Amino acid sequence: MAGKIDFKVASQEHIIKELGRRIEQTRLVRNMTQQELANEAGISLRTLQRLEDGENTSLDTLVRIMMGLGIQENLSLLFPDPHIRPVDMVRSTRKAKQRARPKKQQTTPKKWEWGE
């Protein structure tokens, strides 16, 4: 399944297949074989193959694979802290100002006169 998927309207089967495809693509970008990732995640090769093929596996397997790929920090995106408002998150990610710019002085335009 190539292209983008709309997770709002996709079926459970399509979502699982898309997650498997994304795991496979992430593994390939990191130049890892299936066996290397399976060893890193502590799962069998067949379990990884099932997940990449879009077959149903356990939540434990998904977390282990994410840890094997080094992307476990993305788990916080699944269920953000409900006590933090989105506005607070945006404010906290802004960089602190390093320098201030001088304010432009308002110059009043010279009054126009005849003969100039």
PDB file of N, CA and C in Angstrom:
ATOM      1  N   MET A   1       0.840  -1.162   0.000  1.00  0.00           N
ATOM      2  CA  MET A   1       0.000   0.000   0.000  1.00  0.00           C
ATOM      3  C   MET A   1       0.891   1.232   0.000  1.00  0.00           C
ATOM      4  N   ALA A   2       1.021   1.853  -1.121  1.00  0.00           N
ATOM      5  CA  ALA A   2       1.870   3.031  -1.237  1.00  0.00           C
ATOM      6  C   ALA A   2       1.029   4.277  -1.057  1.00  0.00           C
ATOM      7  N   GLY A   3       1.686   5.352  -0.713  1.00  0.00           N
ATOM      8  CA  GLY A   3       0.971   6.609  -0.556  1.00  0.00           C
ATOM      9  C   GLY A   3       0.596   6.860   0.890  1.00  0.00           C
ATOM     10  N   LYS A   4      -0.185   7.902   1.058  1.00  0.00           N
ATOM     11  CA  LYS A   4      -0.590   8.286   2.403  1.00  0.00           C
ATOM     12  C   LYS A   4      -1.877   7.582   2.786  1.00  0.00           C
ATOM     13  N   ILE A   5      -2.068   7.420   4.066  1.00  0.00           N
ATOM     14  CA  ILE A   5      -3.269   6.793   4.589  1.00  0.00           C
ATOM     15  C   ILE A   5      -3.950   7.787   5.518  1.00  0.00           C
ATOM     16  N   ASP A   6      -5.253   7.866   5.434  1.00  0.00           N
ATOM     17  CA  ASP A   6      -6.020   8.722   6.326  1.00  0.00           C
ATOM     18  C   ASP A   6      -6.451   7.865   7.507  1.00  0.00           C
ATOM     19  N   PHE A   7      -5.772   8.018   8.627  1.00  0.00           N
ATOM     20  CA  PHE A   7      -6.029   7.177   9.785  1.00  0.00           C
ATOM     21  C   PHE A   7      -7.423   7.400  10.366  1.00  0.00           C
ATOM     22  N   LYS A   8      -8.060   8.514  10.046  1.00  0.00           N
ATOM     23  CA  LYS A   8      -9.403   8.787  10.568  1.00  0.00           C
ATOM     24  C   LYS A   8     -10.446   7.852   9.967  1.00  0.00           C
ATOM     25  N   VAL A   9     -10.254   7.457   8.719  1.00  0.00           N
ATOM     26  CA  VAL A   9     -11.268   6.653   8.041  1.00  0.00           C
ATOM     27  C   VAL A   9     -10.771   5.250   7.676  1.00  0.00           C
ATOM     28  N   ALA A  10      -9.507   4.962   7.910  1.00  0.00           N
ATOM     29  CA  ALA A  10      -8.940   3.663   7.530  1.00  0.00           C
ATOM     30  C   ALA A  10      -9.453   2.570   8.460  1.00  0.00           C
ATOM     31  N   SER A  11      -9.555   1.383   7.908  1.00  0.00           N
ATOM     32  CA  SER A  11      -9.953   0.234   8.714  1.00  0.00           C
ATOM     33  C   SER A  11      -8.771  -0.204   9.577  1.00  0.00           C
ATOM     34  N   GLN A  12      -9.075  -1.018  10.565  1.00  0.00           N
ATOM     35  CA  GLN A  12      -8.028  -1.543  11.444  1.00  0.00           C
ATOM     36  C   GLN A  12      -6.992  -2.313  10.638  1.00  0.00           C
ATOM     37  N   GLU A  13      -7.423  -3.084   9.662  1.00  0.00           N
ATOM     38  CA  GLU A  13      -6.504  -3.863   8.838  1.00  0.00           C
ATOM     39  C   GLU A  13      -5.566  -2.970   8.040  1.00  0.00           C
ATOM     40  N   HIS A  14      -6.113  -1.892   7.469  1.00  0.00           N
ATOM     41  CA  HIS A  14      -5.277  -0.968   6.694  1.00  0.00           C
ATOM     42  C   HIS A  14      -4.264  -0.255   7.591  1.00  0.00           C
ATOM     43  N   ILE A  15      -4.677   0.093   8.789  1.00  0.00           N
ATOM     44  CA  ILE A  15      -3.765   0.770   9.718  1.00  0.00           C
ATOM     45  C   ILE A  15      -2.622  -0.166  10.105  1.00  0.00           C
ATOM     46  N   ILE A  16      -2.931  -1.420  10.395  1.00  0.00           N
ATOM     47  CA  ILE A  16      -1.891  -2.388  10.768  1.00  0.00           C
ATOM     48  C   ILE A  16      -0.926  -2.605   9.606  1.00  0.00           C
ATOM     49  N   LYS A  17      -1.454  -2.710   8.388  1.00  0.00           N
ATOM     50  CA  LYS A  17      -0.586  -2.867   7.211  1.00  0.00           C
ATOM     51  C   LYS A  17       0.306  -1.652   7.020  1.00  0.00           C
ATOM     52  N   GLU A  18      -0.251  -0.454   7.225  1.00  0.00           N
ATOM     53  CA  GLU A  18       0.536   0.778   7.068  1.00  0.00           C
ATOM     54  C   GLU A  18       1.629   0.861   8.131  1.00  0.00           C
ATOM     55  N   LEU A  19       1.313   0.493   9.358  1.00  0.00           N
ATOM     56  CA  LEU A  19       2.338   0.500  10.412  1.00  0.00           C
ATOM     57  C   LEU A  19       3.453  -0.494  10.075  1.00  0.00           C
ATOM     58  N   GLY A  20       3.079  -1.648   9.574  1.00  0.00           N
ATOM     59  CA  GLY A  20       4.088  -2.636   9.169  1.00  0.00           C
ATOM     60  C   GLY A  20       4.972  -2.106   8.054  1.00  0.00           C
ATOM     61  N   ARG A  21       4.350  -1.426   7.091  1.00  0.00           N
ATOM     62  CA  ARG A  21       5.111  -0.840   5.987  1.00  0.00           C
ATOM     63  C   ARG A  21       6.067   0.232   6.495  1.00  0.00           C
ATOM     64  N   ARG A  22       5.605   1.046   7.425  1.00  0.00           N
ATOM     65  CA  ARG A  22       6.461   2.102   7.966  1.00  0.00           C
ATOM     66  C   ARG A  22       7.607   1.536   8.794  1.00  0.00           C
ATOM     67  N   ILE A  23       7.342   0.475   9.519  1.00  0.00           N
ATOM     68  CA  ILE A  23       8.418  -0.170  10.273  1.00  0.00           C
ATOM     69  C   ILE A  23       9.467  -0.705   9.307  1.00  0.00           C
ATOM     70  N   GLU A  24       9.009  -1.339   8.241  1.00  0.00           N
ATOM     71  CA  GLU A  24       9.939  -1.866   7.248  1.00  0.00           C
ATOM     72  C   GLU A  24      10.771  -0.740   6.621  1.00  0.00           C
ATOM     73  N   GLN A  25      10.125   0.355   6.263  1.00  0.00           N
ATOM     74  CA  GLN A  25      10.842   1.474   5.653  1.00  0.00           C
ATOM     75  C   GLN A  25      11.855   2.080   6.626  1.00  0.00           C
ATOM     76  N   THR A  26      11.478   2.203   7.884  1.00  0.00           N
ATOM     77  CA  THR A  26      12.401   2.740   8.887  1.00  0.00           C
ATOM     78  C   THR A  26      13.598   1.810   9.045  1.00  0.00           C
ATOM     79  N   ARG A  27      13.347   0.516   9.067  1.00  0.00           N
ATOM     80  CA  ARG A  27      14.429  -0.472   9.173  1.00  0.00           C
ATOM     81  C   ARG A  27      15.378  -0.358   7.988  1.00  0.00           C
ATOM     82  N   LEU A  28      14.823  -0.212   6.793  1.00  0.00           N
ATOM     83  CA  LEU A  28      15.654  -0.118   5.597  1.00  0.00           C
ATOM     84  C   LEU A  28      16.455   1.187   5.559  1.00  0.00           C
ATOM     85  N   VAL A  29      15.842   2.279   6.007  1.00  0.00           N
ATOM     86  CA  VAL A  29      16.563   3.560   6.058  1.00  0.00           C
ATOM     87  C   VAL A  29      17.747   3.452   7.022  1.00  0.00           C
ATOM     88  N   ARG A  30      17.567   2.695   8.088  1.00  0.00           N
ATOM     89  CA  ARG A  30      18.649   2.495   9.057  1.00  0.00           C
ATOM     90  C   ARG A  30      19.621   1.393   8.602  1.00  0.00           C
ATOM     91  N   ASN A  31      19.383   0.838   7.414  1.00  0.00           N
ATOM     92  CA  ASN A  31      20.250  -0.178   6.815  1.00  0.00           C
ATOM     93  C   ASN A  31      20.391  -1.401   7.720  1.00  0.00           C
ATOM     94  N   MET A  32      19.254  -1.862   8.251  1.00  0.00           N
ATOM     95  CA  MET A  32      19.235  -3.038   9.107  1.00  0.00           C
ATOM     96  C   MET A  32      18.532  -4.175   8.378  1.00  0.00           C
ATOM     97  N   THR A  33      19.047  -5.380   8.536  1.00  0.00           N
ATOM     98  CA  THR A  33      18.347  -6.544   8.017  1.00  0.00           C
ATOM     99  C   THR A  33      17.236  -6.904   8.997  1.00  0.00           C
ATOM    100  N   GLN A  34      16.309  -7.740   8.529  1.00  0.00           N
ATOM    101  CA  GLN A  34      15.254  -8.193   9.428  1.00  0.00           C
ATOM    102  C   GLN A  34      15.851  -8.962  10.608  1.00  0.00           C
ATOM    103  N   GLN A  35      16.861  -9.764  10.336  1.00  0.00           N
ATOM    104  CA  GLN A  35      17.474 -10.547  11.407  1.00  0.00           C
ATOM    105  C   GLN A  35      18.145  -9.633  12.445  1.00  0.00           C
ATOM    106  N   GLU A  36      18.829  -8.592  11.966  1.00  0.00           N
ATOM    107  CA  GLU A  36      19.485  -7.661  12.902  1.00  0.00           C
ATOM    108  C   GLU A  36      18.454  -6.973  13.793  1.00  0.00           C
ATOM    109  N   LEU A  37      17.352  -6.510  13.206  1.00  0.00           N
ATOM    110  CA  LEU A  37      16.328  -5.849  14.011  1.00  0.00           C
ATOM    111  C   LEU A  37      15.671  -6.827  14.968  1.00  0.00           C
ATOM    112  N   ALA A  38      15.395  -8.035  14.506  1.00  0.00           N
ATOM    113  CA  ALA A  38      14.792  -9.041  15.381  1.00  0.00           C
ATOM    114  C   ALA A  38      15.704  -9.324  16.580  1.00  0.00           C
ATOM    115  N   ASN A  39      17.000  -9.451  16.332  1.00  0.00           N
ATOM    116  CA  ASN A  39      17.950  -9.682  17.424  1.00  0.00           C
ATOM    117  C   ASN A  39      17.979  -8.493  18.376  1.00  0.00           C
ATOM    118  N   GLU A  40      18.006  -7.286  17.813  1.00  0.00           N
ATOM    119  CA  GLU A  40      18.048  -6.064  18.637  1.00  0.00           C
ATOM    120  C   GLU A  40      16.790  -5.930  19.497  1.00  0.00           C
ATOM    121  N   ALA A  41      15.651  -6.326  18.929  1.00  0.00           N
ATOM    122  CA  ALA A  41      14.374  -6.207  19.640  1.00  0.00           C
ATOM    123  C   ALA A  41      14.103  -7.388  20.565  1.00  0.00           C
ATOM    124  N   GLY A  42      14.864  -8.467  20.410  1.00  0.00           N
ATOM    125  CA  GLY A  42      14.648  -9.638  21.258  1.00  0.00           C
ATOM    126  C   GLY A  42      13.404 -10.424  20.862  1.00  0.00           C
ATOM    127  N   ILE A  43      13.117 -10.458  19.558  1.00  0.00           N
ATOM    128  CA  ILE A  43      11.967 -11.204  19.057  1.00  0.00           C
ATOM    129  C   ILE A  43      12.451 -12.150  17.959  1.00  0.00           C
ATOM    130  N   SER A  44      11.576 -13.039  17.538  1.00  0.00           N
ATOM    131  CA  SER A  44      11.967 -13.957  16.468  1.00  0.00           C
ATOM    132  C   SER A  44      11.859 -13.250  15.118  1.00  0.00           C
ATOM    133  N   LEU A  45      12.602 -13.777  14.160  1.00  0.00           N
ATOM    134  CA  LEU A  45      12.563 -13.244  12.809  1.00  0.00           C
ATOM    135  C   LEU A  45      11.152 -13.347  12.238  1.00  0.00           C
ATOM    136  N   ARG A  46      10.487 -14.446  12.474  1.00  0.00           N
ATOM    137  CA  ARG A  46       9.132 -14.656  11.949  1.00  0.00           C
ATOM    138  C   ARG A  46       8.151 -13.637  12.526  1.00  0.00           C
ATOM    139  N   THR A  47       8.304 -13.268  13.787  1.00  0.00           N
ATOM    140  CA  THR A  47       7.425 -12.267  14.399  1.00  0.00           C
ATOM    141  C   THR A  47       7.600 -10.921  13.707  1.00  0.00           C
ATOM    142  N   LEU A  48       8.836 -10.532  13.436  1.00  0.00           N
ATOM    143  CA  LEU A  48       9.091  -9.279  12.718  1.00  0.00           C
ATOM    144  C   LEU A  48       8.516  -9.346  11.315  1.00  0.00           C
ATOM    145  N   GLN A  49       8.697 -10.467  10.645  1.00  0.00           N
ATOM    146  CA  GLN A  49       8.159 -10.607   9.290  1.00  0.00           C
ATOM    147  C   GLN A  49       6.633 -10.483   9.289  1.00  0.00           C
ATOM    148  N   ARG A  50       5.982 -11.061  10.286  1.00  0.00           N
ATOM    149  CA  ARG A  50       4.526 -10.955  10.383  1.00  0.00           C
ATOM    150  C   ARG A  50       4.090  -9.510  10.564  1.00  0.00           C
ATOM    151  N   LEU A  51       4.804  -8.790  11.413  1.00  0.00           N
ATOM    152  CA  LEU A  51       4.434  -7.391  11.644  1.00  0.00           C
ATOM    153  C   LEU A  51       4.645  -6.551  10.386  1.00  0.00           C
ATOM    154  N   GLU A  52       5.770  -6.736   9.719  1.00  0.00           N
ATOM    155  CA  GLU A  52       6.035  -5.977   8.496  1.00  0.00           C
ATOM    156  C   GLU A  52       5.059  -6.335   7.386  1.00  0.00           C
ATOM    157  N   ASP A  53       4.522  -7.550   7.407  1.00  0.00           N
ATOM    158  CA  ASP A  53       3.534  -7.966   6.410  1.00  0.00           C
ATOM    159  C   ASP A  53       2.126  -7.494   6.762  1.00  0.00           C
ATOM    160  N   GLY A  54       1.977  -6.822   7.897  1.00  0.00           N
ATOM    161  CA  GLY A  54       0.671  -6.302   8.271  1.00  0.00           C
ATOM    162  C   GLY A  54      -0.207  -7.297   8.989  1.00  0.00           C
ATOM    163  N   GLU A  55       0.403  -8.322   9.530  1.00  0.00           N
ATOM    164  CA  GLU A  55      -0.351  -9.284  10.317  1.00  0.00           C
ATOM    165  C   GLU A  55      -0.379  -8.816  11.764  1.00  0.00           C
ATOM    166  N   ASN A  56      -1.385  -9.246  12.469  1.00  0.00           N
ATOM    167  CA  ASN A  56      -1.575  -8.807  13.841  1.00  0.00           C
ATOM    168  C   ASN A  56      -0.526  -9.427  14.763  1.00  0.00           C
ATOM    169  N   THR A  57       0.105  -8.597  15.570  1.00  0.00           N
ATOM    170  CA  THR A  57       1.058  -9.062  16.584  1.00  0.00           C
ATOM    171  C   THR A  57       0.707  -8.359  17.884  1.00  0.00           C
ATOM    172  N   SER A  58       1.510  -8.562  18.901  1.00  0.00           N
ATOM    173  CA  SER A  58       1.200  -7.988  20.208  1.00  0.00           C
ATOM    174  C   SER A  58       1.750  -6.564  20.352  1.00  0.00           C
ATOM    175  N   LEU A  59       1.209  -5.868  21.304  1.00  0.00           N
ATOM    176  CA  LEU A  59       1.692  -4.531  21.635  1.00  0.00           C
ATOM    177  C   LEU A  59       3.133  -4.602  22.133  1.00  0.00           C
ATOM    178  N   ASP A  60       3.443  -5.654  22.854  1.00  0.00           N
ATOM    179  CA  ASP A  60       4.807  -5.881  23.331  1.00  0.00           C
ATOM    180  C   ASP A  60       5.789  -5.926  22.161  1.00  0.00           C
ATOM    181  N   THR A  61       5.391  -6.597  21.088  1.00  0.00           N
ATOM    182  CA  THR A  61       6.247  -6.701  19.897  1.00  0.00           C
ATOM    183  C   THR A  61       6.479  -5.321  19.286  1.00  0.00           C
ATOM    184  N   LEU A  62       5.429  -4.542  19.178  1.00  0.00           N
ATOM    185  CA  LEU A  62       5.563  -3.199  18.602  1.00  0.00           C
ATOM    186  C   LEU A  62       6.530  -2.351  19.424  1.00  0.00           C
ATOM    187  N   VAL A  63       6.381  -2.378  20.738  1.00  0.00           N
ATOM    188  CA  VAL A  63       7.261  -1.591  21.604  1.00  0.00           C
ATOM    189  C   VAL A  63       8.704  -2.078  21.487  1.00  0.00           C
ATOM    190  N   ARG A  64       8.920  -3.386  21.457  1.00  0.00           N
ATOM    191  CA  ARG A  64      10.274  -3.934  21.320  1.00  0.00           C
ATOM    192  C   ARG A  64      10.923  -3.509  20.003  1.00  0.00           C
ATOM    193  N   ILE A  65      10.135  -3.518  18.921  1.00  0.00           N
ATOM    194  CA  ILE A  65      10.671  -3.122  17.623  1.00  0.00           C
ATOM    195  C   ILE A  65      11.003  -1.639  17.611  1.00  0.00           C
ATOM    196  N   MET A  66      10.136  -0.832  18.201  1.00  0.00           N
ATOM    197  CA  MET A  66      10.430   0.601  18.273  1.00  0.00           C
ATOM    198  C   MET A  66      11.705   0.853  19.066  1.00  0.00           C
ATOM    199  N   MET A  67      11.900   0.104  20.137  1.00  0.00           N
ATOM    200  CA  MET A  67      13.137   0.242  20.914  1.00  0.00           C
ATOM    201  C   MET A  67      14.328  -0.228  20.102  1.00  0.00           C
ATOM    202  N   GLY A  68      14.159  -1.311  19.339  1.00  0.00           N
ATOM    203  CA  GLY A  68      15.236  -1.812  18.488  1.00  0.00           C
ATOM    204  C   GLY A  68      15.630  -0.818  17.405  1.00  0.00           C
ATOM    205  N   LEU A  69      14.648  -0.064  16.927  1.00  0.00           N
ATOM    206  CA  LEU A  69      14.919   0.966  15.917  1.00  0.00           C
ATOM    207  C   LEU A  69      15.381   2.289  16.544  1.00  0.00           C
ATOM    208  N   GLY A  70      15.272   2.387  17.864  1.00  0.00           N
ATOM    209  CA  GLY A  70      15.667   3.624  18.547  1.00  0.00           C
ATOM    210  C   GLY A  70      14.655   4.740  18.377  1.00  0.00           C
ATOM    211  N   ILE A  71      13.384   4.392  18.207  1.00  0.00           N
ATOM    212  CA  ILE A  71      12.351   5.416  18.021  1.00  0.00           C
ATOM    213  C   ILE A  71      11.289   5.351  19.117  1.00  0.00           C
ATOM    214  N   GLN A  72      11.644   4.805  20.265  1.00  0.00           N
ATOM    215  CA  GLN A  72      10.668   4.662  21.340  1.00  0.00           C
ATOM    216  C   GLN A  72      10.167   6.003  21.874  1.00  0.00           C
ATOM    217  N   GLU A  73      10.917   7.084  21.643  1.00  0.00           N
ATOM    218  CA  GLU A  73      10.439   8.391  22.107  1.00  0.00           C
ATOM    219  C   GLU A  73       9.171   8.812  21.378  1.00  0.00           C
ATOM    220  N   ASN A  74       8.908   8.205  20.222  1.00  0.00           N
ATOM    221  CA  ASN A  74       7.692   8.518  19.470  1.00  0.00           C
ATOM    222  C   ASN A  74       6.439   7.965  20.138  1.00  0.00           C
ATOM    223  N   LEU A  75       6.602   7.081  21.098  1.00  0.00           N
ATOM    224  CA  LEU A  75       5.450   6.540  21.804  1.00  0.00           C
ATOM    225  C   LEU A  75       4.687   7.637  22.554  1.00  0.00           C
ATOM    226  N   SER A  76       5.377   8.686  22.956  1.00  0.00           N
ATOM    227  CA  SER A  76       4.700   9.778  23.668  1.00  0.00           C
ATOM    228  C   SER A  76       3.729  10.523  22.755  1.00  0.00           C
ATOM    229  N   LEU A  77       3.890  10.378  21.444  1.00  0.00           N
ATOM    230  CA  LEU A  77       2.975  11.021  20.506  1.00  0.00           C
ATOM    231  C   LEU A  77       1.632  10.307  20.433  1.00  0.00           C
ATOM    232  N   LEU A  78       1.607   9.024  20.798  1.00  0.00           N
ATOM    233  CA  LEU A  78       0.354   8.272  20.737  1.00  0.00           C
ATOM    234  C   LEU A  78      -0.671   8.793  21.730  1.00  0.00           C
ATOM    235  N   PHE A  79      -0.226   9.035  22.941  1.00  0.00           N
ATOM    236  CA  PHE A  79      -1.112   9.527  23.980  1.00  0.00           C
ATOM    237  C   PHE A  79      -0.422  10.652  24.734  1.00  0.00           C
ATOM    238  N   PRO A  80      -0.567  11.895  24.244  1.00  0.00           N
ATOM    239  CA  PRO A  80       0.081  13.014  24.927  1.00  0.00           C
ATOM    240  C   PRO A  80      -0.484  13.197  26.335  1.00  0.00           C
ATOM    241  N   ASP A  81       0.296  13.811  27.186  1.00  0.00           N
ATOM    242  CA  ASP A  81      -0.129  14.077  28.557  1.00  0.00           C
ATOM    243  C   ASP A  81      -1.395  14.930  28.524  1.00  0.00           C
ATOM    244  N   PRO A  82      -2.507  14.440  29.075  1.00  0.00           N
ATOM    245  CA  PRO A  82      -3.755  15.195  29.004  1.00  0.00           C
ATOM    246  C   PRO A  82      -3.756  16.456  29.862  1.00  0.00           C
ATOM    247  N   HIS A  83      -2.784  16.593  30.743  1.00  0.00           N
ATOM    248  CA  HIS A  83      -2.729  17.767  31.613  1.00  0.00           C
ATOM    249  C   HIS A  83      -1.992  18.939  30.972  1.00  0.00           C
ATOM    250  N   ILE A  84      -1.337  18.687  29.848  1.00  0.00           N
ATOM    251  CA  ILE A  84      -0.607  19.756  29.173  1.00  0.00           C
ATOM    252  C   ILE A  84      -1.444  20.233  27.997  1.00  0.00           C
ATOM    253  N   ARG A  85      -1.737  21.523  27.987  1.00  0.00           N
ATOM    254  CA  ARG A  85      -2.521  22.088  26.892  1.00  0.00           C
ATOM    255  C   ARG A  85      -1.615  22.300  25.681  1.00  0.00           C
ATOM    256  N   PRO A  86      -2.163  22.185  24.473  1.00  0.00           N
ATOM    257  CA  PRO A  86      -1.352  22.395  23.263  1.00  0.00           C
ATOM    258  C   PRO A  86      -0.672  23.755  23.234  1.00  0.00           C
ATOM    259  N   VAL A  87      -1.334  24.783  23.745  1.00  0.00           N
ATOM    260  CA  VAL A  87      -0.741  26.117  23.763  1.00  0.00           C
ATOM    261  C   VAL A  87       0.509  26.129  24.639  1.00  0.00           C
ATOM    262  N   ASP A  88       0.452  25.425  25.759  1.00  0.00           N
ATOM    263  CA  ASP A  88       1.614  25.354  26.651  1.00  0.00           C
ATOM    264  C   ASP A  88       2.774  24.623  25.975  1.00  0.00           C
ATOM    265  N   MET A  89       2.460  23.599  25.183  1.00  0.00           N
ATOM    266  CA  MET A  89       3.518  22.863  24.492  1.00  0.00           C
ATOM    267  C   MET A  89       4.191  23.756  23.461  1.00  0.00           C
ATOM    268  N   VAL A  90       3.429  24.561  22.742  1.00  0.00           N
ATOM    269  CA  VAL A  90       4.011  25.463  21.744  1.00  0.00           C
ATOM    270  C   VAL A  90       4.885  26.499  22.427  1.00  0.00           C
ATOM    271  N   ARG A  91       4.395  27.031  23.515  1.00  0.00           N
ATOM    272  CA  ARG A  91       5.175  28.053  24.241  1.00  0.00           C
ATOM    273  C   ARG A  91       6.480  27.480  24.774  1.00  0.00           C
ATOM    274  N   SER A  92       6.453  26.224  25.202  1.00  0.00           N
ATOM    275  CA  SER A  92       7.666  25.640  25.779  1.00  0.00           C
ATOM    276  C   SER A  92       8.698  25.284  24.717  1.00  0.00           C
ATOM    277  N   THR A  93       8.290  25.169  23.453  1.00  0.00           N
ATOM    278  CA  THR A  93       9.240  24.797  22.404  1.00  0.00           C
ATOM    279  C   THR A  93       9.862  26.011  21.729  1.00  0.00           C
ATOM    280  N   ARG A  94       9.397  27.193  22.050  1.00  0.00           N
ATOM    281  CA  ARG A  94       9.992  28.385  21.458  1.00  0.00           C
ATOM    282  C   ARG A  94      11.392  28.589  22.004  1.00  0.00           C
ATOM    283  N   LYS A  95      12.250  29.070  21.149  1.00  0.00           N
ATOM    284  CA  LYS A  95      13.608  29.360  21.583  1.00  0.00           C
ATOM    285  C   LYS A  95      13.614  30.668  22.376  1.00  0.00           C
ATOM    286  N   ALA A  96      14.477  30.712  23.367  1.00  0.00           N
ATOM    287  CA  ALA A  96      14.635  31.944  24.121  1.00  0.00           C
ATOM    288  C   ALA A  96      15.349  32.963  23.244  1.00  0.00           C
ATOM    289  N   LYS A  97      14.933  34.199  23.349  1.00  0.00           N
ATOM    290  CA  LYS A  97      15.562  35.236  22.528  1.00  0.00           C
ATOM    291  C   LYS A  97      17.016  35.406  22.943  1.00  0.00           C
ATOM    292  N   GLN A  98      17.867  35.543  21.970  1.00  0.00           N
ATOM    293  CA  GLN A  98      19.284  35.715  22.218  1.00  0.00           C
ATOM    294  C   GLN A  98      19.694  37.181  22.180  1.00  0.00           C
ATOM    295  N   ARG A  99      18.969  37.974  21.442  1.00  0.00           N
ATOM    296  CA  ARG A  99      19.284  39.397  21.343  1.00  0.00           C
ATOM    297  C   ARG A  99      18.013  40.153  20.995  1.00  0.00           C
ATOM    298  N   ALA A 100      18.054  41.418  21.292  1.00  0.00           N
ATOM    299  CA  ALA A 100      16.901  42.275  21.006  1.00  0.00           C
ATOM    300  C   ALA A 100      17.231  43.191  19.841  1.00  0.00           C
ATOM    301  N   ARG A 101      16.240  43.502  19.069  1.00  0.00           N
ATOM    302  CA  ARG A 101      16.420  44.438  17.975  1.00  0.00           C
ATOM    303  C   ARG A 101      15.969  45.816  18.430  1.00  0.00           C
ATOM    304  N   PRO A 102      16.722  46.839  18.026  1.00  0.00           N
ATOM    305  CA  PRO A 102      16.283  48.181  18.405  1.00  0.00           C
ATOM    306  C   PRO A 102      14.981  48.516  17.679  1.00  0.00           C
ATOM    307  N   LYS A 103      14.161  49.257  18.375  1.00  0.00           N
ATOM    308  CA  LYS A 103      12.905  49.661  17.768  1.00  0.00           C
ATOM    309  C   LYS A 103      13.182  50.743  16.739  1.00  0.00           C
ATOM    310  N   LYS A 104      12.457  50.673  15.652  1.00  0.00           N
ATOM    311  CA  LYS A 104      12.601  51.699  14.633  1.00  0.00           C
ATOM    312  C   LYS A 104      11.944  52.968  15.138  1.00  0.00           C
ATOM    313  N   GLN A 105      12.680  54.060  14.964  1.00  0.00           N
ATOM    314  CA  GLN A 105      12.117  55.328  15.392  1.00  0.00           C
ATOM    315  C   GLN A 105      11.134  55.822  14.354  1.00  0.00           C
ATOM    316  N   GLN A 106      10.033  56.313  14.838  1.00  0.00           N
ATOM    317  CA  GLN A 106       9.026  56.862  13.943  1.00  0.00           C
ATOM    318  C   GLN A 106       9.500  58.239  13.489  1.00  0.00           C
ATOM    319  N   THR A 107       9.678  58.370  12.210  1.00  0.00           N
ATOM    320  CA  THR A 107      10.049  59.682  11.665  1.00  0.00           C
ATOM    321  C   THR A 107       8.811  60.281  11.038  1.00  0.00           C
ATOM    322  N   THR A 108       8.589  61.508  11.398  1.00  0.00           N
ATOM    323  CA  THR A 108       7.432  62.180  10.808  1.00  0.00           C
ATOM    324  C   THR A 108       7.856  62.716   9.459  1.00  0.00           C
ATOM    325  N   PRO A 109       7.061  62.469   8.443  1.00  0.00           N
ATOM    326  CA  PRO A 109       7.429  62.947   7.130  1.00  0.00           C
ATOM    327  C   PRO A 109       7.449  64.477   7.090  1.00  0.00           C
ATOM    328  N   LYS A 110       8.393  64.982   6.325  1.00  0.00           N
ATOM    329  CA  LYS A 110       8.527  66.427   6.209  1.00  0.00           C
ATOM    330  C   LYS A 110       7.286  66.968   5.486  1.00  0.00           C
ATOM    331  N   LYS A 111       6.790  68.043   6.011  1.00  0.00           N
ATOM    332  CA  LYS A 111       5.605  68.643   5.442  1.00  0.00           C
ATOM    333  C   LYS A 111       5.926  69.150   4.056  1.00  0.00           C
ATOM    334  N   TRP A 112       5.093  68.810   3.088  1.00  0.00           N
ATOM    335  CA  TRP A 112       5.316  69.205   1.700  1.00  0.00           C
ATOM    336  C   TRP A 112       4.934  70.657   1.511  1.00  0.00           C
ATOM    337  N   GLU A 113       5.763  71.378   0.806  1.00  0.00           N
ATOM    338  CA  GLU A 113       5.470  72.790   0.520  1.00  0.00           C
ATOM    339  C   GLU A 113       5.685  73.047  -0.961  1.00  0.00           C
ATOM    340  N   TRP A 114       4.986  74.070  -1.496  1.00  0.00           N
ATOM    341  CA  TRP A 114       5.154  74.470  -2.883  1.00  0.00           C
ATOM    342  C   TRP A 114       6.572  75.021  -3.058  1.00  0.00           C
ATOM    343  N   GLY A 115       7.138  74.766  -4.216  1.00  0.00           N
ATOM    344  CA  GLY A 115       8.411  75.348  -4.542  1.00  0.00           C
ATOM    345  C   GLY A 115       9.606  74.477  -4.188  1.00  0.00           C
ATOM    346  N   GLU A 116       9.381  73.337  -3.687  1.00  0.00           N
ATOM    347  CA  GLU A 116      10.502  72.464  -3.367  1.00  0.00           C
ATOM    348  C   GLU A 116      10.888  71.630  -4.538  1.00  0.00           C
TER     349      GLU A 116
END
